[in-house]
Amino acid sequence: MPGAMPGLHRWWGNPMFSALARNWFNVQVNDVYCGLRGFTKEFYTGLRQRCIGMEFATEMIIKGSLYGARIAEVPITLYPDGRLAHPPHLRTFRDGWRTLRFFLLYSPRWLFLFPGVALIVLGLAGYAIGLPGVRFRGIHFDVHTLLFASLAVICGYQSIVFAVLTKVFAISEDLLPADPTLTRAFRVIKLETGLAVGAVAMVVGAYFLFDALAIWRATGFGDLKYAVTMRWVIPGVTLVALGFETILASFFLSLLGMRRR
């Protein structure tokens, strides 16, 4: 009805969060904020809700969808708030941010995984043009491109690791349902697998770094041609960092998985 909902909520906030819920969590509803709900006590207690603010309503819908609950909608009419004792408790930007924060925390895929993959792809593209020193229309992609590319790769890899760690933690705390893909992966990938991969990456990276030291030694520890030596140093540092992160993440994942065993 006229005046029942502020324009910003009606035309932006509510449709946006409802669309995110449909795309991120497969919640097939048109209004995740609708406060008129009907549910059984068994269903509600099974959700083990954690939120205590405005995002409480969206948590119920999202967790219900993730756990395979049957959800149906019945059209209702929203009337203006008739309370006179005090104004509505809703605060547009505070509660909007709390809802968005909840969406992100409940979706490691969108918060960590996809940005991480994008950064790694961008970094590998940087390596593809920076390592051979590609020239394109007067632009020379050199060691500085490699340095930026390494930054993207390291940050992207860290973001992907956070996606896995967050997912495992959320499952172990019953915040999210078990993920069959993750379960199958952990049957093959063990702590020792991560340690081996991390160690290999560190050894290869150390080889590049020692080779750069050998070049420096050959000059009598004098001045170096950075355009040459940095092509060894930057990949070496990157591989050592990635290998070290892999080893640490492997131990942490093994620790998180102990409770599930």
Protein backbone atom coordinates (compact mmCIF):
# COMPACT_ATOMS: atom_id res chain seq x y z
CA MET A 1 0.00 0.00 0.00
CA PRO A 2 1.13 3.63 -0.43
CA GLY A 3 3.62 4.59 2.28
CA ALA A 4 4.06 1.03 3.49
CA MET A 5 7.73 0.87 2.46
CA PRO A 6 10.33 3.61 1.86
CA GLY A 7 11.25 4.04 -1.80
CA LEU A 8 14.88 3.01 -1.28
CA HIS A 9 13.77 -0.24 0.33
CA ARG A 10 11.09 -0.98 -2.23
CA TRP A 11 13.03 -0.28 -5.41
CA TRP A 12 16.58 -1.11 -4.40
CA GLY A 13 17.27 -2.82 -1.07
CA ASN A 14 14.55 -5.44 -1.05
CA PRO A 15 14.80 -6.41 -4.75
CA MET A 16 18.62 -6.49 -4.59
CA PHE A 17 18.84 -8.76 -1.55
CA SER A 18 16.06 -10.99 -2.90
CA ALA A 19 17.91 -11.31 -6.22
CA LEU A 20 21.18 -12.11 -4.41
CA ALA A 21 19.42 -14.77 -2.36
CA ARG A 22 18.01 -16.36 -5.52
CA ASN A 23 21.35 -16.34 -7.35
CA TRP A 24 23.73 -17.15 -4.50
CA PHE A 25 21.63 -19.57 -2.44
CA ASN A 26 18.91 -20.72 -4.84
CA VAL A 27 16.21 -19.25 -2.60
CA GLN A 28 13.13 -19.22 -4.79
CA VAL A 29 11.26 -16.37 -3.12
CA ASN A 30 10.47 -12.83 -4.20
CA ASP A 31 10.81 -11.12 -0.82
CA VAL A 32 13.41 -12.37 1.65
CA TYR A 33 12.42 -9.66 4.12
CA CYS A 34 8.77 -10.56 4.45
CA GLY A 35 8.13 -10.87 8.18
CA LEU A 36 4.98 -12.95 7.91
CA ARG A 37 6.20 -16.54 8.24
CA GLY A 38 4.70 -19.87 9.04
CA PHE A 39 6.87 -22.83 10.08
CA THR A 40 6.94 -25.79 12.43
CA LYS A 41 8.83 -25.75 15.70
CA GLU A 42 10.85 -28.76 14.55
CA PHE A 43 11.95 -26.88 11.43
CA TYR A 44 12.89 -23.77 13.36
CA THR A 45 14.91 -25.54 16.05
CA GLY A 46 16.69 -27.55 13.34
CA LEU A 47 17.97 -24.37 11.70
CA ARG A 48 19.92 -23.32 14.82
CA GLN A 49 19.79 -19.67 13.83
CA ARG A 50 22.59 -17.38 15.00
CA CYS A 51 21.59 -13.87 13.90
CA ILE A 52 19.92 -11.52 16.36
CA GLY A 53 19.32 -8.47 14.16
CA MET A 54 17.49 -7.56 10.98
CA GLU A 55 19.24 -10.36 9.09
CA PHE A 56 17.38 -12.92 11.23
CA ALA A 57 14.62 -13.11 8.62
CA THR A 58 17.01 -13.71 5.71
CA GLU A 59 18.99 -16.26 7.70
CA MET A 60 15.85 -18.36 8.10
CA ILE A 61 15.18 -18.35 4.36
CA ILE A 62 18.78 -18.97 3.30
CA LYS A 63 19.48 -21.77 5.77
CA GLY A 64 16.13 -23.33 4.97
CA SER A 65 17.02 -23.39 1.28
CA LEU A 66 20.54 -24.71 1.89
CA TYR A 67 19.18 -27.54 4.03
CA GLY A 68 16.59 -28.48 1.42
CA ALA A 69 13.44 -27.22 3.12
CA ARG A 70 10.24 -26.92 1.09
CA ILE A 71 9.40 -23.21 0.83
CA ALA A 72 6.23 -21.74 -0.66
CA GLU A 73 4.94 -18.19 -0.99
CA VAL A 74 1.46 -16.84 -0.40
CA PRO A 75 0.75 -13.26 -1.61
CA ILE A 76 0.02 -10.73 1.13
CA THR A 77 -0.51 -6.98 1.26
CA LEU A 78 1.91 -4.78 3.16
CA TYR A 79 0.27 -1.88 4.97
CA PRO A 80 1.92 1.20 6.53
CA ASP A 81 3.27 0.69 10.03
CA GLY A 82 0.53 1.69 12.46
CA ARG A 83 2.63 1.90 15.61
CA LEU A 84 2.51 5.22 17.43
CA ALA A 85 4.52 4.54 20.58
CA HIS A 86 7.91 4.58 18.80
CA PRO A 87 9.27 4.71 15.25
CA PRO A 88 10.17 1.50 13.35
CA HIS A 89 13.34 -0.23 14.47
CA LEU A 90 14.64 -0.61 10.92
CA ARG A 91 17.76 1.42 10.07
CA THR A 92 18.35 1.45 6.32
CA PHE A 93 22.13 1.46 6.01
CA ARG A 94 22.98 -0.29 9.28
CA ASP A 95 20.60 -3.17 8.66
CA GLY A 96 21.39 -3.26 4.94
CA TRP A 97 25.09 -3.69 5.71
CA ARG A 98 24.35 -6.38 8.30
CA THR A 99 22.32 -8.30 5.73
CA LEU A 100 25.01 -7.98 3.06
CA ARG A 101 27.64 -9.06 5.58
CA PHE A 102 25.57 -12.12 6.42
CA PHE A 103 25.18 -12.98 2.72
CA LEU A 104 28.94 -12.77 2.19
CA LEU A 105 29.82 -14.78 5.29
CA TYR A 106 27.40 -17.51 4.25
CA SER A 107 28.80 -17.64 0.72
CA PRO A 108 32.57 -18.33 0.75
CA ARG A 109 32.23 -18.91 -2.99
CA TRP A 110 31.32 -15.30 -3.72
CA LEU A 111 33.34 -13.75 -0.89
CA PHE A 112 36.62 -15.62 -1.44
CA LEU A 113 36.60 -18.20 -4.24
CA PHE A 114 35.48 -16.25 -7.30
CA PRO A 115 37.60 -13.15 -6.51
CA GLY A 116 40.57 -15.46 -5.86
CA VAL A 117 40.17 -17.28 -9.16
CA ALA A 118 39.87 -13.95 -10.98
CA LEU A 119 43.08 -12.68 -9.37
CA ILE A 120 45.00 -15.84 -10.25
CA VAL A 121 43.83 -15.70 -13.87
CA LEU A 122 44.88 -12.06 -14.01
CA GLY A 123 48.24 -12.92 -12.46
CA LEU A 124 48.93 -15.79 -14.84
CA ALA A 125 48.08 -13.51 -17.76
CA GLY A 126 50.62 -11.06 -16.36
CA TYR A 127 53.23 -13.80 -16.23
CA ALA A 128 52.44 -14.82 -19.80
CA ILE A 129 53.31 -11.35 -21.09
CA GLY A 130 55.80 -10.21 -18.46
CA LEU A 131 58.12 -13.23 -18.29
CA PRO A 132 59.08 -13.17 -22.00
CA GLY A 133 59.02 -9.35 -22.00
CA VAL A 134 56.27 -8.90 -24.58
CA ARG A 135 56.08 -5.59 -26.46
CA PHE A 136 52.72 -4.43 -27.74
CA ARG A 137 52.13 -1.12 -29.51
CA GLY A 138 55.07 0.51 -27.83
CA ILE A 139 54.26 -0.92 -24.38
CA HIS A 140 56.97 -3.11 -22.85
CA PHE A 141 55.75 -5.60 -20.24
CA ASP A 142 58.80 -6.31 -18.12
CA VAL A 143 59.75 -7.26 -14.56
CA HIS A 144 57.38 -4.72 -13.04
CA THR A 145 54.54 -6.56 -14.76
CA LEU A 146 55.86 -9.76 -13.19
CA LEU A 147 55.83 -8.15 -9.76
CA PHE A 148 52.23 -7.02 -10.13
CA ALA A 149 51.29 -10.45 -11.52
CA SER A 150 52.90 -12.17 -8.53
CA LEU A 151 50.94 -9.95 -6.18
CA ALA A 152 47.71 -10.98 -7.92
CA VAL A 153 48.64 -14.67 -7.79
CA ILE A 154 49.57 -14.62 -4.10
CA CYS A 155 46.46 -12.67 -3.09
CA GLY A 156 44.26 -14.85 -5.29
CA TYR A 157 45.68 -18.06 -3.88
CA GLN A 158 45.23 -16.78 -0.34
CA SER A 159 41.63 -15.91 -1.14
CA ILE A 160 40.96 -19.43 -2.47
CA VAL A 161 42.55 -20.96 0.63
CA PHE A 162 40.27 -18.79 2.77
CA ALA A 163 37.28 -20.05 0.78
CA VAL A 164 38.13 -23.66 1.63
CA LEU A 165 38.96 -22.91 5.27
CA THR A 166 35.76 -20.92 5.74
CA LYS A 167 33.64 -23.62 4.12
CA VAL A 168 35.11 -26.38 6.27
CA PHE A 169 34.72 -24.32 9.45
CA ALA A 170 31.12 -23.40 8.60
CA ILE A 171 30.25 -27.05 7.98
CA SER A 172 31.91 -28.19 11.21
CA GLU A 173 29.93 -25.56 13.16
CA ASP A 174 26.63 -26.51 11.46
CA LEU A 175 26.40 -23.11 9.83
CA LEU A 176 26.29 -24.70 6.38
CA PRO A 177 25.26 -28.19 5.24
CA ALA A 178 27.90 -30.71 4.19
CA ASP A 179 29.31 -30.21 0.70
CA PRO A 180 29.53 -33.49 -1.29
CA THR A 181 32.23 -32.06 -3.57
CA LEU A 182 34.38 -31.08 -0.62
CA THR A 183 33.83 -34.44 1.04
CA ARG A 184 34.97 -36.31 -2.08
CA ALA A 185 38.00 -34.04 -2.42
CA PHE A 186 39.11 -34.68 1.16
CA ARG A 187 38.99 -38.42 0.54
CA VAL A 188 41.82 -37.95 -1.94
CA ILE A 189 43.61 -34.84 -0.65
CA LYS A 190 45.16 -35.50 2.75
CA LEU A 191 47.45 -33.50 5.00
CA GLU A 192 50.44 -35.24 3.47
CA THR A 193 49.29 -34.24 -0.01
CA GLY A 194 49.26 -30.57 0.88
CA LEU A 195 52.62 -30.85 2.63
CA ALA A 196 54.17 -32.53 -0.41
CA VAL A 197 52.77 -29.96 -2.85
CA GLY A 198 53.88 -27.10 -0.63
CA ALA A 199 57.36 -28.56 -0.22
CA VAL A 200 57.79 -29.04 -3.98
CA ALA A 201 56.74 -25.43 -4.62
CA MET A 202 59.21 -24.17 -2.01
CA VAL A 203 62.05 -26.29 -3.42
CA VAL A 204 61.43 -25.06 -6.97
CA GLY A 205 61.19 -21.48 -5.74
CA ALA A 206 64.39 -21.89 -3.73
CA TYR A 207 66.12 -23.19 -6.87
CA PHE A 208 65.21 -19.99 -8.71
CA LEU A 209 66.45 -17.87 -5.80
CA PHE A 210 69.73 -19.74 -5.49
CA ASP A 211 70.21 -19.42 -9.24
CA ALA A 212 69.82 -15.66 -8.87
CA LEU A 213 72.40 -15.75 -6.07
CA ALA A 214 74.73 -17.67 -8.37
CA ILE A 215 74.36 -14.94 -10.99
CA TRP A 216 75.16 -12.34 -8.34
CA ARG A 217 78.19 -14.33 -7.22
CA ALA A 218 79.43 -14.55 -10.80
CA THR A 219 79.57 -10.76 -10.91
CA GLY A 220 81.64 -10.66 -7.75
CA PHE A 221 78.56 -9.58 -5.77
CA GLY A 222 78.48 -6.36 -7.73
CA ASP A 223 75.80 -4.64 -9.73
CA LEU A 224 73.16 -6.79 -11.44
CA LYS A 225 71.00 -6.44 -14.51
CA TYR A 226 67.65 -6.38 -12.77
CA ALA A 227 65.71 -7.09 -15.94
CA VAL A 228 67.50 -10.46 -16.01
CA THR A 229 67.84 -11.46 -12.37
CA MET A 230 64.35 -10.39 -11.35
CA ARG A 231 62.95 -12.91 -13.80
CA TRP A 232 64.39 -15.52 -11.44
CA VAL A 233 63.82 -13.75 -8.14
CA ILE A 234 60.13 -12.84 -8.58
CA PRO A 235 58.92 -16.35 -9.58
CA GLY A 236 61.15 -17.84 -6.88
CA VAL A 237 59.74 -15.63 -4.13
CA THR A 238 56.21 -16.31 -5.38
CA LEU A 239 56.64 -20.08 -5.36
CA VAL A 240 58.22 -20.08 -1.91
CA ALA A 241 55.35 -17.96 -0.56
CA LEU A 242 52.70 -20.17 -2.18
CA GLY A 243 54.38 -23.33 -0.91
CA PHE A 244 54.63 -21.98 2.62
CA GLU A 245 50.96 -20.93 2.56
CA THR A 246 50.01 -24.40 1.30
CA ILE A 247 51.81 -26.10 4.17
CA LEU A 248 50.22 -23.84 6.77
CA ALA A 249 46.76 -24.22 5.23
CA SER A 250 47.15 -28.00 5.11
CA PHE A 251 47.84 -28.18 8.83
CA PHE A 252 44.95 -25.84 9.61
CA LEU A 253 42.54 -27.82 7.41
CA SER A 254 43.62 -31.03 9.10
CA LEU A 255 42.92 -29.41 12.48
CA LEU A 256 39.46 -28.27 11.38
CA GLY A 257 38.68 -31.74 10.07
CA MET A 258 39.50 -33.51 13.34
CA ARG A 259 36.09 -32.69 14.81
CA ARG A 260 34.25 -34.15 11.82
CA ARG A 261 36.12 -37.42 12.15
